[in-house]
Amino acid sequence: MPAILPSITPGEINLRYLRGVVGPSASVILEIGANDGSHTRQMLEQFPQAVIYAFEPDPRAFAKFSANVRDPRVRVFNAAIGGTDGEAEFHTSGGLPPTMTEEKAVRYAQGWDQSGSLRAPKTHTMVWPWCEFGEKIPVRVHRLDTFARDNAIGPIDLIWADMQGAEGDLIAGGAETLAKTRFFYTEYSDDEWYEGQPTLQALADMLPSFKIVHRFPMDVLFKNAAL
């Protein structure tokens, strides 16, 4: 039977809200799609006891992360989380929003690095025509379960997933790890911005042990009801 989706609440999930739900004593967080580390630094503040495993496959964003985040509680990997182990083609993004200020554009000297994905763009190029996908590069990919086993990761308090349409790949390769994860945050879209991007209904049906705590227009927080 398909999961029943709650109504949409205006706004978006922020880390202060997550601290209140997950709890400030969270000890293990996985941040999948960490970009330049801006959210990572906020997580370090909101969850002072947590070790954060961060993943960023785009080499441009990974370089920014390495420069911006210097904390012994963070383990960062220049890799993607996906449905298979090995190497995969990553679709890098480029261009700049036409409304971006010159001051902010300086941060993107090598182009927009926040929309790259293991999934090929589909309607994304129509919704955001300024965003370009001209280059594909090989990146290292880990299944979530393989990474957790290889790194002896036990119970997880929170997985933060910003994967640009590849959320289903994370779930497909992470059943064992998700079973020991308390909360799972992800962005979502019911429009297929990337090829094969699952809808929220599909994500909920892939996570039968989880219930939706809060649903916003473009992101959602799941809680593992089995824990």
N, C-alpha and C. Protein backbone atom coordinates (compact mmCIF):
# COMPACT_ATOMS: atom_id res chain seq x y z
N MET A 1 0.85 -1.20 0.00
CA MET A 1 0.00 0.00 0.00
C MET A 1 0.89 1.25 0.00
N PRO A 2 0.64 2.20 -0.90
CA PRO A 2 1.48 3.41 -0.94
C PRO A 2 1.42 4.20 0.35
N ALA A 3 2.54 4.81 0.70
CA ALA A 3 2.58 5.66 1.89
C ALA A 3 1.68 6.88 1.69
N ILE A 4 1.07 7.34 2.78
CA ILE A 4 0.22 8.53 2.73
C ILE A 4 1.09 9.75 3.00
N LEU A 5 1.07 10.70 2.08
CA LEU A 5 1.89 11.90 2.21
C LEU A 5 1.16 12.99 2.98
N PRO A 6 1.82 13.64 3.92
CA PRO A 6 1.20 14.77 4.64
C PRO A 6 1.12 16.00 3.75
N SER A 7 0.36 16.98 4.17
CA SER A 7 0.24 18.22 3.42
C SER A 7 1.55 19.00 3.48
N ILE A 8 1.70 19.95 2.56
CA ILE A 8 2.92 20.75 2.46
C ILE A 8 2.85 21.94 3.41
N THR A 9 3.94 22.18 4.14
CA THR A 9 4.09 23.36 4.98
C THR A 9 4.95 24.38 4.24
N PRO A 10 4.57 25.64 4.18
CA PRO A 10 5.41 26.64 3.50
C PRO A 10 6.77 26.76 4.19
N GLY A 11 7.79 27.12 3.41
CA GLY A 11 9.12 27.32 3.97
C GLY A 11 10.06 26.19 3.60
N GLU A 12 11.07 25.99 4.43
CA GLU A 12 12.05 24.93 4.20
C GLU A 12 12.66 24.51 5.53
N ILE A 13 13.26 23.33 5.52
CA ILE A 13 13.90 22.81 6.72
C ILE A 13 15.24 23.51 6.92
N ASN A 14 15.52 23.95 8.14
CA ASN A 14 16.82 24.52 8.45
C ASN A 14 17.48 23.73 9.58
N LEU A 15 18.74 24.01 9.82
CA LEU A 15 19.49 23.20 10.78
C LEU A 15 19.10 23.47 12.22
N ARG A 16 18.60 24.65 12.52
CA ARG A 16 18.12 24.91 13.88
C ARG A 16 16.89 24.06 14.19
N TYR A 17 16.03 23.95 13.18
CA TYR A 17 14.86 23.07 13.32
C TYR A 17 15.31 21.62 13.50
N LEU A 18 16.29 21.19 12.71
CA LEU A 18 16.78 19.82 12.81
C LEU A 18 17.39 19.53 14.18
N ARG A 19 18.07 20.51 14.74
CA ARG A 19 18.64 20.34 16.09
C ARG A 19 17.52 20.03 17.09
N GLY A 20 16.40 20.73 16.97
CA GLY A 20 15.30 20.51 17.88
C GLY A 20 14.66 19.14 17.71
N VAL A 21 14.65 18.63 16.48
CA VAL A 21 14.02 17.33 16.22
C VAL A 21 14.98 16.18 16.48
N VAL A 22 16.18 16.28 15.92
CA VAL A 22 17.16 15.20 16.05
C VAL A 22 17.77 15.17 17.44
N GLY A 23 17.96 16.36 18.02
CA GLY A 23 18.57 16.46 19.35
C GLY A 23 20.01 16.92 19.26
N PRO A 24 20.45 17.80 20.17
CA PRO A 24 21.81 18.35 20.11
C PRO A 24 22.90 17.34 20.42
N SER A 25 22.52 16.18 20.98
CA SER A 25 23.53 15.18 21.34
C SER A 25 23.82 14.19 20.20
N ALA A 26 23.32 14.47 18.99
CA ALA A 26 23.60 13.61 17.84
C ALA A 26 25.10 13.38 17.71
N SER A 27 25.50 12.13 17.45
CA SER A 27 26.93 11.81 17.42
C SER A 27 27.46 11.45 16.04
N VAL A 28 26.60 11.01 15.12
CA VAL A 28 27.05 10.64 13.78
C VAL A 28 26.09 11.21 12.74
N ILE A 29 26.65 12.00 11.81
CA ILE A 29 25.88 12.60 10.73
C ILE A 29 26.58 12.32 9.41
N LEU A 30 25.81 11.96 8.40
CA LEU A 30 26.34 11.83 7.04
C LEU A 30 25.75 12.95 6.20
N GLU A 31 26.61 13.75 5.58
CA GLU A 31 26.18 14.83 4.71
C GLU A 31 26.56 14.46 3.28
N ILE A 32 25.57 14.14 2.48
CA ILE A 32 25.80 13.62 1.14
C ILE A 32 25.43 14.69 0.12
N GLY A 33 26.45 15.29 -0.47
CA GLY A 33 26.28 16.46 -1.31
C GLY A 33 26.61 17.70 -0.51
N ALA A 34 27.85 17.80 -0.05
CA ALA A 34 28.25 18.83 0.92
C ALA A 34 28.64 20.15 0.28
N ASN A 35 28.86 20.18 -1.04
CA ASN A 35 29.26 21.38 -1.76
C ASN A 35 30.45 22.06 -1.09
N ASP A 36 30.32 23.36 -0.74
CA ASP A 36 31.49 24.10 -0.25
C ASP A 36 31.65 24.05 1.27
N GLY A 37 30.81 23.28 1.95
CA GLY A 37 30.94 23.14 3.40
C GLY A 37 30.15 24.13 4.22
N SER A 38 29.34 24.98 3.58
CA SER A 38 28.56 25.97 4.33
C SER A 38 27.61 25.30 5.32
N HIS A 39 26.89 24.27 4.86
CA HIS A 39 25.99 23.56 5.77
C HIS A 39 26.78 22.77 6.81
N THR A 40 27.93 22.27 6.42
CA THR A 40 28.75 21.50 7.35
C THR A 40 29.13 22.34 8.56
N ARG A 41 29.54 23.57 8.31
CA ARG A 41 29.91 24.46 9.42
C ARG A 41 28.72 24.73 10.34
N GLN A 42 27.54 24.88 9.76
CA GLN A 42 26.35 25.07 10.58
C GLN A 42 26.04 23.82 11.40
N MET A 43 26.24 22.64 10.79
CA MET A 43 26.01 21.40 11.53
C MET A 43 26.96 21.27 12.71
N LEU A 44 28.21 21.68 12.50
CA LEU A 44 29.18 21.62 13.60
C LEU A 44 28.74 22.48 14.78
N GLU A 45 28.08 23.61 14.47
CA GLU A 45 27.58 24.48 15.53
C GLU A 45 26.34 23.90 16.21
N GLN A 46 25.42 23.38 15.41
CA GLN A 46 24.15 22.89 15.95
C GLN A 46 24.29 21.53 16.64
N PHE A 47 25.28 20.74 16.21
CA PHE A 47 25.48 19.40 16.78
C PHE A 47 26.92 19.28 17.29
N PRO A 48 27.21 19.86 18.44
CA PRO A 48 28.59 19.96 18.93
C PRO A 48 29.26 18.63 19.26
N GLN A 49 28.48 17.55 19.37
CA GLN A 49 29.08 16.26 19.71
C GLN A 49 29.22 15.34 18.49
N ALA A 50 28.83 15.83 17.33
CA ALA A 50 28.75 14.96 16.16
C ALA A 50 30.05 14.86 15.38
N VAL A 51 30.29 13.67 14.84
CA VAL A 51 31.29 13.45 13.80
C VAL A 51 30.51 13.46 12.48
N ILE A 52 31.02 14.21 11.51
CA ILE A 52 30.32 14.37 10.24
C ILE A 52 31.13 13.73 9.12
N TYR A 53 30.49 12.82 8.40
CA TYR A 53 31.09 12.23 7.20
C TYR A 53 30.48 12.96 6.01
N ALA A 54 31.29 13.72 5.29
CA ALA A 54 30.80 14.56 4.20
C ALA A 54 31.29 14.04 2.85
N PHE A 55 30.41 14.10 1.85
CA PHE A 55 30.73 13.61 0.51
C PHE A 55 30.45 14.71 -0.51
N GLU A 56 31.44 14.96 -1.38
CA GLU A 56 31.26 15.94 -2.45
C GLU A 56 32.04 15.49 -3.68
N PRO A 57 31.35 15.08 -4.75
CA PRO A 57 32.05 14.56 -5.92
C PRO A 57 32.61 15.62 -6.87
N ASP A 58 32.03 16.82 -6.91
CA ASP A 58 32.49 17.85 -7.84
C ASP A 58 33.83 18.40 -7.34
N PRO A 59 34.91 18.28 -8.12
CA PRO A 59 36.23 18.72 -7.64
C PRO A 59 36.29 20.21 -7.34
N ARG A 60 35.49 21.02 -8.02
CA ARG A 60 35.49 22.47 -7.74
C ARG A 60 34.93 22.73 -6.34
N ALA A 61 33.79 22.13 -6.04
CA ALA A 61 33.18 22.31 -4.73
C ALA A 61 34.02 21.66 -3.64
N PHE A 62 34.62 20.51 -3.96
CA PHE A 62 35.47 19.82 -2.98
C PHE A 62 36.65 20.69 -2.57
N ALA A 63 37.23 21.41 -3.53
CA ALA A 63 38.35 22.31 -3.22
C ALA A 63 37.90 23.43 -2.29
N LYS A 64 36.70 23.97 -2.53
CA LYS A 64 36.17 25.00 -1.64
C LYS A 64 35.94 24.44 -0.24
N PHE A 65 35.37 23.24 -0.19
CA PHE A 65 35.12 22.60 1.11
C PHE A 65 36.43 22.44 1.88
N SER A 66 37.44 21.95 1.22
CA SER A 66 38.73 21.71 1.88
C SER A 66 39.33 23.00 2.43
N ALA A 67 39.05 24.12 1.75
CA ALA A 67 39.56 25.41 2.21
C ALA A 67 38.69 26.01 3.32
N ASN A 68 37.39 25.71 3.29
CA ASN A 68 36.45 26.34 4.22
C ASN A 68 36.26 25.59 5.53
N VAL A 69 36.46 24.28 5.52
CA VAL A 69 36.17 23.47 6.70
C VAL A 69 37.43 22.79 7.18
N ARG A 70 37.88 23.20 8.35
CA ARG A 70 39.07 22.59 8.97
C ARG A 70 38.67 22.23 10.40
N ASP A 71 38.15 21.04 10.58
CA ASP A 71 37.68 20.63 11.90
C ASP A 71 37.94 19.14 12.06
N PRO A 72 38.51 18.71 13.17
CA PRO A 72 38.81 17.28 13.36
C PRO A 72 37.57 16.40 13.43
N ARG A 73 36.40 17.01 13.60
CA ARG A 73 35.18 16.21 13.66
C ARG A 73 34.61 15.89 12.27
N VAL A 74 35.25 16.41 11.23
CA VAL A 74 34.75 16.23 9.87
C VAL A 74 35.66 15.29 9.08
N ARG A 75 35.06 14.30 8.43
CA ARG A 75 35.76 13.42 7.50
C ARG A 75 35.15 13.69 6.13
N VAL A 76 35.92 14.21 5.20
CA VAL A 76 35.38 14.58 3.90
C VAL A 76 35.95 13.67 2.81
N PHE A 77 35.09 13.32 1.83
CA PHE A 77 35.46 12.40 0.77
C PHE A 77 35.07 13.00 -0.58
N ASN A 78 36.03 13.01 -1.49
CA ASN A 78 35.77 13.50 -2.85
C ASN A 78 35.15 12.35 -3.65
N ALA A 79 33.92 12.06 -3.33
CA ALA A 79 33.23 10.91 -3.92
C ALA A 79 31.72 11.13 -3.84
N ALA A 80 31.01 10.33 -4.63
CA ALA A 80 29.54 10.36 -4.60
C ALA A 80 29.02 9.10 -3.91
N ILE A 81 27.80 9.18 -3.42
CA ILE A 81 27.09 8.01 -2.92
C ILE A 81 26.07 7.62 -3.99
N GLY A 82 26.07 6.36 -4.38
CA GLY A 82 25.17 5.93 -5.44
C GLY A 82 24.71 4.50 -5.27
N GLY A 83 24.20 3.93 -6.35
CA GLY A 83 23.63 2.59 -6.28
C GLY A 83 24.64 1.48 -6.52
N THR A 84 25.86 1.83 -6.96
CA THR A 84 26.90 0.84 -7.22
C THR A 84 28.24 1.35 -6.70
N ASP A 85 29.17 0.43 -6.53
CA ASP A 85 30.53 0.79 -6.14
C ASP A 85 31.40 0.89 -7.38
N GLY A 86 32.31 1.85 -7.40
CA GLY A 86 33.24 1.95 -8.52
C GLY A 86 33.38 3.37 -9.02
N GLU A 87 33.19 3.53 -10.31
CA GLU A 87 33.33 4.85 -10.95
C GLU A 87 32.10 5.09 -11.82
N ALA A 88 31.66 6.35 -11.88
CA ALA A 88 30.49 6.70 -12.68
C ALA A 88 30.68 8.05 -13.32
N GLU A 89 29.85 8.35 -14.29
CA GLU A 89 29.88 9.63 -14.98
C GLU A 89 29.08 10.65 -14.18
N PHE A 90 29.69 11.79 -13.94
CA PHE A 90 29.05 12.86 -13.17
C PHE A 90 28.82 14.05 -14.10
N HIS A 91 27.58 14.54 -14.13
CA HIS A 91 27.20 15.66 -14.99
C HIS A 91 27.43 16.96 -14.21
N THR A 92 28.49 17.68 -14.55
CA THR A 92 28.79 18.92 -13.83
C THR A 92 27.93 20.07 -14.35
N SER A 93 27.62 20.99 -13.47
CA SER A 93 26.80 22.14 -13.83
C SER A 93 27.69 23.38 -14.01
N GLY A 94 27.15 24.35 -14.77
CA GLY A 94 27.89 25.59 -14.99
C GLY A 94 26.92 26.74 -15.18
N GLY A 95 27.45 27.88 -15.62
CA GLY A 95 26.63 29.06 -15.77
C GLY A 95 26.45 29.77 -14.44
N LEU A 96 25.72 30.89 -14.46
CA LEU A 96 25.42 31.63 -13.24
C LEU A 96 24.01 32.21 -13.32
N PRO A 97 23.30 32.26 -12.19
CA PRO A 97 21.97 32.89 -12.21
C PRO A 97 22.07 34.34 -12.66
N PRO A 98 21.17 34.79 -13.53
CA PRO A 98 21.26 36.16 -14.04
C PRO A 98 21.08 37.23 -12.97
N THR A 99 20.45 36.86 -11.85
CA THR A 99 20.23 37.83 -10.78
C THR A 99 21.35 37.84 -9.75
N MET A 100 22.36 37.00 -9.92
CA MET A 100 23.44 36.92 -8.93
C MET A 100 24.27 38.20 -8.94
N THR A 101 24.60 38.69 -7.76
CA THR A 101 25.42 39.90 -7.64
C THR A 101 26.87 39.58 -8.00
N GLU A 102 27.62 40.62 -8.39
CA GLU A 102 29.03 40.45 -8.71
C GLU A 102 29.81 39.96 -7.50
N GLU A 103 29.42 40.42 -6.34
CA GLU A 103 30.11 40.02 -5.10
C GLU A 103 29.98 38.51 -4.88
N LYS A 104 28.77 37.97 -5.11
CA LYS A 104 28.57 36.54 -4.91
C LYS A 104 29.15 35.72 -6.06
N ALA A 105 29.14 36.29 -7.27
CA ALA A 105 29.64 35.57 -8.44
C ALA A 105 31.13 35.23 -8.30
N VAL A 106 31.85 36.01 -7.50
CA VAL A 106 33.28 35.74 -7.29
C VAL A 106 33.49 34.34 -6.74
N ARG A 107 32.52 33.86 -5.96
CA ARG A 107 32.64 32.51 -5.37
C ARG A 107 32.52 31.41 -6.42
N TYR A 108 32.03 31.78 -7.60
CA TYR A 108 31.80 30.78 -8.65
C TYR A 108 32.65 31.10 -9.88
N ALA A 109 33.91 31.36 -9.64
CA ALA A 109 34.82 31.71 -10.73
C ALA A 109 34.91 30.60 -11.76
N GLN A 110 34.70 29.36 -11.34
CA GLN A 110 34.74 28.21 -12.24
C GLN A 110 33.34 27.76 -12.65
N GLY A 111 32.35 28.58 -12.39
CA GLY A 111 30.98 28.24 -12.77
C GLY A 111 30.18 27.68 -11.61
N TRP A 112 28.88 27.59 -11.85
CA TRP A 112 27.93 27.09 -10.85
C TRP A 112 28.20 25.63 -10.54
N ASP A 113 28.49 25.31 -9.28
CA ASP A 113 28.86 23.93 -8.92
C ASP A 113 27.86 23.29 -7.97
N GLN A 114 26.61 23.78 -7.95
CA GLN A 114 25.64 23.26 -6.99
C GLN A 114 24.56 22.37 -7.60
N SER A 115 24.62 22.10 -8.89
CA SER A 115 23.55 21.32 -9.52
C SER A 115 24.04 20.08 -10.24
N GLY A 116 25.31 19.72 -10.06
CA GLY A 116 25.83 18.53 -10.70
C GLY A 116 25.21 17.27 -10.13
N SER A 117 25.17 16.21 -10.94
CA SER A 117 24.48 14.99 -10.51
C SER A 117 25.01 13.76 -11.25
N LEU A 118 24.83 12.60 -10.60
CA LEU A 118 25.07 11.32 -11.27
C LEU A 118 23.99 11.08 -12.33
N ARG A 119 22.88 11.78 -12.20
CA ARG A 119 21.77 11.66 -13.14
C ARG A 119 21.84 12.77 -14.19
N ALA A 120 21.55 12.42 -15.42
CA ALA A 120 21.56 13.41 -16.50
C ALA A 120 20.42 14.40 -16.31
N PRO A 121 20.63 15.68 -16.60
CA PRO A 121 19.55 16.66 -16.46
C PRO A 121 18.42 16.38 -17.45
N LYS A 122 17.20 16.70 -17.01
CA LYS A 122 16.04 16.53 -17.88
C LYS A 122 15.29 17.86 -17.95
N THR A 123 14.27 18.05 -17.13
CA THR A 123 13.53 19.32 -17.17
C THR A 123 14.28 20.44 -16.44
N HIS A 124 15.35 20.09 -15.75
CA HIS A 124 16.15 21.10 -15.05
C HIS A 124 16.55 22.24 -15.99
N THR A 125 16.93 21.90 -17.21
CA THR A 125 17.40 22.90 -18.16
C THR A 125 16.27 23.81 -18.64
N MET A 126 15.02 23.38 -18.46
CA MET A 126 13.89 24.23 -18.81
C MET A 126 13.48 25.11 -17.63
N VAL A 127 13.55 24.55 -16.43
CA VAL A 127 13.19 25.31 -15.23
C VAL A 127 14.24 26.38 -14.93
N TRP A 128 15.52 26.02 -15.09
CA TRP A 128 16.63 26.94 -14.87
C TRP A 128 17.49 27.01 -16.13
N PRO A 129 17.04 27.72 -17.17
CA PRO A 129 17.75 27.71 -18.45
C PRO A 129 19.17 28.29 -18.40
N TRP A 130 19.47 29.07 -17.37
CA TRP A 130 20.82 29.61 -17.24
C TRP A 130 21.83 28.56 -16.80
N CYS A 131 21.33 27.47 -16.21
CA CYS A 131 22.22 26.42 -15.68
C CYS A 131 22.62 25.48 -16.82
N GLU A 132 23.92 25.36 -17.03
CA GLU A 132 24.44 24.57 -18.15
C GLU A 132 25.00 23.24 -17.65
N PHE A 133 24.91 22.23 -18.49
CA PHE A 133 25.48 20.92 -18.19
C PHE A 133 26.32 20.49 -19.38
N GLY A 134 27.49 21.07 -19.49
CA GLY A 134 28.30 20.82 -20.68
C GLY A 134 29.36 19.76 -20.53
N GLU A 135 29.76 19.44 -19.30
CA GLU A 135 30.90 18.53 -19.11
C GLU A 135 30.50 17.35 -18.22
N LYS A 136 30.98 16.17 -18.60
CA LYS A 136 30.80 14.97 -17.79
C LYS A 136 32.18 14.48 -17.37
N ILE A 137 32.32 14.17 -16.09
CA ILE A 137 33.61 13.74 -15.57
C ILE A 137 33.45 12.43 -14.81
N PRO A 138 34.50 11.61 -14.75
CA PRO A 138 34.42 10.39 -13.94
C PRO A 138 34.61 10.72 -12.46
N VAL A 139 33.80 10.11 -11.61
CA VAL A 139 33.94 10.30 -10.16
C VAL A 139 33.87 8.96 -9.45
N ARG A 140 34.45 8.91 -8.28
CA ARG A 140 34.39 7.72 -7.43
C ARG A 140 33.00 7.63 -6.81
N VAL A 141 32.44 6.42 -6.78
CA VAL A 141 31.10 6.21 -6.21
C VAL A 141 31.14 5.07 -5.20
N HIS A 142 30.48 5.27 -4.07
CA HIS A 142 30.33 4.23 -3.05
C HIS A 142 28.85 3.95 -2.82
N ARG A 143 28.50 2.70 -2.69
CA ARG A 143 27.19 2.37 -2.13
C ARG A 143 27.22 2.77 -0.66
N LEU A 144 26.12 3.26 -0.15
CA LEU A 144 26.08 3.67 1.25
C LEU A 144 26.41 2.51 2.17
N ASP A 145 25.87 1.34 1.87
CA ASP A 145 26.14 0.17 2.72
C ASP A 145 27.60 -0.23 2.68
N THR A 146 28.22 -0.16 1.52
CA THR A 146 29.64 -0.52 1.41
C THR A 146 30.48 0.45 2.22
N PHE A 147 30.21 1.73 2.09
CA PHE A 147 30.98 2.73 2.83
C PHE A 147 30.82 2.54 4.34
N ALA A 148 29.60 2.32 4.79
CA ALA A 148 29.35 2.16 6.23
C ALA A 148 30.07 0.93 6.77
N ARG A 149 30.05 -0.16 6.01
CA ARG A 149 30.75 -1.37 6.48
C ARG A 149 32.25 -1.17 6.48
N ASP A 150 32.78 -0.57 5.42
CA ASP A 150 34.23 -0.39 5.31
C ASP A 150 34.78 0.56 6.37
N ASN A 151 33.94 1.48 6.85
CA ASN A 151 34.39 2.47 7.83
C ASN A 151 33.82 2.22 9.23
N ALA A 152 33.27 1.02 9.42
CA ALA A 152 32.77 0.60 10.74
C ALA A 152 31.84 1.65 11.36
N ILE A 153 30.92 2.15 10.55
CA ILE A 153 29.96 3.15 11.04
C ILE A 153 28.75 2.44 11.63
N GLY A 154 28.48 2.74 12.88
CA GLY A 154 27.35 2.12 13.58
C GLY A 154 26.08 2.94 13.40
N PRO A 155 25.31 3.11 14.47
CA PRO A 155 24.07 3.89 14.38
C PRO A 155 24.33 5.31 13.89
N ILE A 156 23.42 5.81 13.08
CA ILE A 156 23.53 7.14 12.50
C ILE A 156 22.35 7.98 12.96
N ASP A 157 22.61 9.18 13.40
CA ASP A 157 21.54 10.06 13.87
C ASP A 157 20.83 10.76 12.71
N LEU A 158 21.60 11.19 11.71
CA LEU A 158 21.00 11.96 10.62
C LEU A 158 21.78 11.75 9.33
N ILE A 159 21.04 11.50 8.25
CA ILE A 159 21.61 11.58 6.91
C ILE A 159 20.99 12.79 6.23
N TRP A 160 21.85 13.71 5.79
CA TRP A 160 21.43 14.91 5.06
C TRP A 160 21.80 14.67 3.60
N ALA A 161 20.80 14.53 2.73
CA ALA A 161 21.05 14.20 1.33
C ALA A 161 20.61 15.34 0.40
N ASP A 162 21.57 15.91 -0.30
CA ASP A 162 21.32 16.93 -1.31
C ASP A 162 21.95 16.40 -2.59
N MET A 163 21.21 15.55 -3.31
CA MET A 163 21.81 14.71 -4.35
C MET A 163 21.34 15.00 -5.76
N GLN A 164 20.56 16.04 -5.94
CA GLN A 164 20.17 16.45 -7.29
C GLN A 164 19.61 15.30 -8.12
N GLY A 165 18.55 14.68 -7.63
CA GLY A 165 17.85 13.66 -8.40
C GLY A 165 18.32 12.24 -8.21
N ALA A 166 19.43 12.04 -7.48
CA ALA A 166 19.98 10.69 -7.29
C ALA A 166 19.61 10.09 -5.94
N GLU A 167 18.56 10.62 -5.31
CA GLU A 167 18.17 10.15 -3.98
C GLU A 167 17.79 8.66 -3.98
N GLY A 168 17.14 8.22 -5.05
CA GLY A 168 16.76 6.82 -5.14
C GLY A 168 17.95 5.88 -5.19
N ASP A 169 19.05 6.35 -5.78
CA ASP A 169 20.26 5.53 -5.84
C ASP A 169 20.84 5.33 -4.44
N LEU A 170 20.81 6.38 -3.63
CA LEU A 170 21.27 6.26 -2.25
C LEU A 170 20.47 5.19 -1.50
N ILE A 171 19.15 5.26 -1.64
CA ILE A 171 18.28 4.32 -0.93
C ILE A 171 18.50 2.89 -1.43
N ALA A 172 18.63 2.74 -2.76
CA ALA A 172 18.83 1.41 -3.33
C ALA A 172 20.12 0.76 -2.83
N GLY A 173 21.14 1.57 -2.60
CA GLY A 173 22.42 1.02 -2.15
C GLY A 173 22.66 1.15 -0.67
N GLY A 174 21.61 1.49 0.10
CA GLY A 174 21.83 1.77 1.51
C GLY A 174 20.82 1.18 2.47
N ALA A 175 20.19 0.07 2.13
CA ALA A 175 19.13 -0.49 2.98
C ALA A 175 19.63 -0.82 4.38
N GLU A 176 20.82 -1.44 4.49
CA GLU A 176 21.34 -1.82 5.80
C GLU A 176 21.65 -0.58 6.64
N THR A 177 22.21 0.43 6.02
CA THR A 177 22.61 1.65 6.73
C THR A 177 21.38 2.45 7.14
N LEU A 178 20.41 2.56 6.26
CA LEU A 178 19.19 3.30 6.58
C LEU A 178 18.43 2.63 7.73
N ALA A 179 18.54 1.32 7.85
CA ALA A 179 17.86 0.62 8.94
C ALA A 179 18.38 1.03 10.31
N LYS A 180 19.60 1.55 10.37
CA LYS A 180 20.17 2.00 11.65
C LYS A 180 20.30 3.52 11.69
N THR A 181 19.55 4.22 10.84
CA THR A 181 19.56 5.68 10.77
C THR A 181 18.28 6.23 11.36
N ARG A 182 18.40 7.19 12.27
CA ARG A 182 17.22 7.75 12.95
C ARG A 182 16.44 8.70 12.07
N PHE A 183 17.13 9.63 11.40
CA PHE A 183 16.45 10.64 10.59
C PHE A 183 17.12 10.72 9.22
N PHE A 184 16.29 10.96 8.22
CA PHE A 184 16.77 11.07 6.84
C PHE A 184 16.14 12.32 6.21
N TYR A 185 16.99 13.29 5.89
CA TYR A 185 16.56 14.52 5.23
C TYR A 185 16.94 14.45 3.76
N THR A 186 16.06 14.92 2.90
CA THR A 186 16.42 15.01 1.49
C THR A 186 15.62 16.10 0.79
N GLU A 187 16.19 16.64 -0.27
CA GLU A 187 15.42 17.47 -1.18
C GLU A 187 14.62 16.54 -2.08
N TYR A 188 13.55 17.05 -2.67
CA TYR A 188 12.76 16.23 -3.58
C TYR A 188 12.07 17.12 -4.60
N SER A 189 11.60 16.50 -5.67
CA SER A 189 10.76 17.19 -6.65
C SER A 189 9.85 16.18 -7.31
N ASP A 190 8.61 16.57 -7.56
CA ASP A 190 7.70 15.70 -8.28
C ASP A 190 7.77 15.96 -9.78
N ASP A 191 8.65 16.88 -10.17
CA ASP A 191 8.99 17.08 -11.57
C ASP A 191 10.32 16.36 -11.79
N GLU A 192 10.50 15.74 -12.93
CA GLU A 192 11.72 14.96 -13.19
C GLU A 192 12.83 15.89 -13.69
N TRP A 193 13.41 16.66 -12.75
CA TRP A 193 14.49 17.57 -13.12
C TRP A 193 15.69 16.81 -13.69
N TYR A 194 15.91 15.61 -13.17
CA TYR A 194 16.99 14.74 -13.64
C TYR A 194 16.38 13.41 -14.05
N GLU A 195 16.99 12.76 -15.02
CA GLU A 195 16.46 11.51 -15.53
C GLU A 195 16.38 10.45 -14.42
N GLY A 196 15.20 9.89 -14.25
CA GLY A 196 15.01 8.86 -13.23
C GLY A 196 14.84 9.38 -11.83
N GLN A 197 14.69 10.69 -11.66
CA GLN A 197 14.51 11.25 -10.32
C GLN A 197 13.19 10.78 -9.72
N PRO A 198 13.22 10.17 -8.52
CA PRO A 198 11.98 9.69 -7.91
C PRO A 198 11.14 10.82 -7.34
N THR A 199 9.84 10.67 -7.41
CA THR A 199 8.93 11.61 -6.76
C THR A 199 8.97 11.39 -5.26
N LEU A 200 8.35 12.30 -4.50
CA LEU A 200 8.28 12.11 -3.06
C LEU A 200 7.51 10.84 -2.73
N GLN A 201 6.44 10.58 -3.46
CA GLN A 201 5.68 9.35 -3.22
C GLN A 201 6.57 8.12 -3.40
N ALA A 202 7.38 8.13 -4.46
CA ALA A 202 8.28 7.00 -4.70
C ALA A 202 9.32 6.87 -3.59
N LEU A 203 9.86 7.99 -3.12
CA LEU A 203 10.83 7.95 -2.02
C LEU A 203 10.19 7.37 -0.76
N ALA A 204 8.99 7.82 -0.44
CA ALA A 204 8.30 7.32 0.76
C ALA A 204 8.03 5.82 0.64
N ASP A 205 7.67 5.37 -0.56
CA ASP A 205 7.40 3.94 -0.74
C ASP A 205 8.68 3.12 -0.66
N MET A 206 9.83 3.73 -0.98
CA MET A 206 11.12 3.04 -0.88
C MET A 206 11.61 2.97 0.56
N LEU A 207 10.97 3.73 1.46
CA LEU A 207 11.38 3.80 2.87
C LEU A 207 10.23 3.37 3.78
N PRO A 208 9.81 2.12 3.68
CA PRO A 208 8.62 1.67 4.43
C PRO A 208 8.75 1.77 5.95
N SER A 209 9.96 1.76 6.47
CA SER A 209 10.15 1.85 7.93
C SER A 209 10.18 3.30 8.42
N PHE A 210 10.14 4.24 7.50
CA PHE A 210 10.21 5.65 7.86
C PHE A 210 8.84 6.32 7.72
N LYS A 211 8.62 7.32 8.53
CA LYS A 211 7.44 8.16 8.39
C LYS A 211 7.89 9.60 8.17
N ILE A 212 7.08 10.40 7.50
CA ILE A 212 7.44 11.79 7.24
C ILE A 212 7.11 12.64 8.46
N VAL A 213 8.12 13.30 8.99
CA VAL A 213 7.96 14.19 10.13
C VAL A 213 7.45 15.55 9.67
N HIS A 214 8.02 16.05 8.60
CA HIS A 214 7.66 17.37 8.10
C HIS A 214 7.94 17.43 6.61
N ARG A 215 6.98 17.95 5.86
CA ARG A 215 7.13 18.09 4.41
C ARG A 215 7.00 19.55 4.01
N PHE A 216 8.04 20.04 3.36
CA PHE A 216 8.04 21.38 2.82
C PHE A 216 7.97 21.30 1.29
N PRO A 217 7.87 22.42 0.57
CA PRO A 217 7.70 22.35 -0.88
C PRO A 217 8.81 21.61 -1.63
N MET A 218 10.05 21.69 -1.12
CA MET A 218 11.16 21.07 -1.86
C MET A 218 12.06 20.21 -1.00
N ASP A 219 11.77 20.05 0.28
CA ASP A 219 12.55 19.15 1.11
C ASP A 219 11.66 18.50 2.16
N VAL A 220 12.15 17.39 2.71
CA VAL A 220 11.33 16.57 3.59
C VAL A 220 12.22 15.89 4.63
N LEU A 221 11.67 15.68 5.81
CA LEU A 221 12.38 14.96 6.86
C LEU A 221 11.62 13.69 7.22
N PHE A 222 12.33 12.55 7.13
CA PHE A 222 11.78 11.25 7.49
C PHE A 222 12.34 10.83 8.86
N LYS A 223 11.56 10.10 9.62
CA LYS A 223 12.00 9.51 10.88
C LYS A 223 11.82 8.00 10.81
N ASN A 224 12.82 7.28 11.26
CA ASN A 224 12.77 5.81 11.26
C ASN A 224 11.86 5.34 12.39
N ALA A 225 10.68 4.88 12.06
CA ALA A 225 9.71 4.46 13.06
C ALA A 225 10.09 3.15 13.71
N ALA A 226 11.06 2.44 13.14
CA ALA A 226 11.47 1.15 13.70
C ALA A 226 12.51 1.31 14.80
N LEU A 227 13.03 2.52 15.00
CA LEU A 227 14.05 2.75 16.04
C LEU A 227 13.44 3.48 17.23
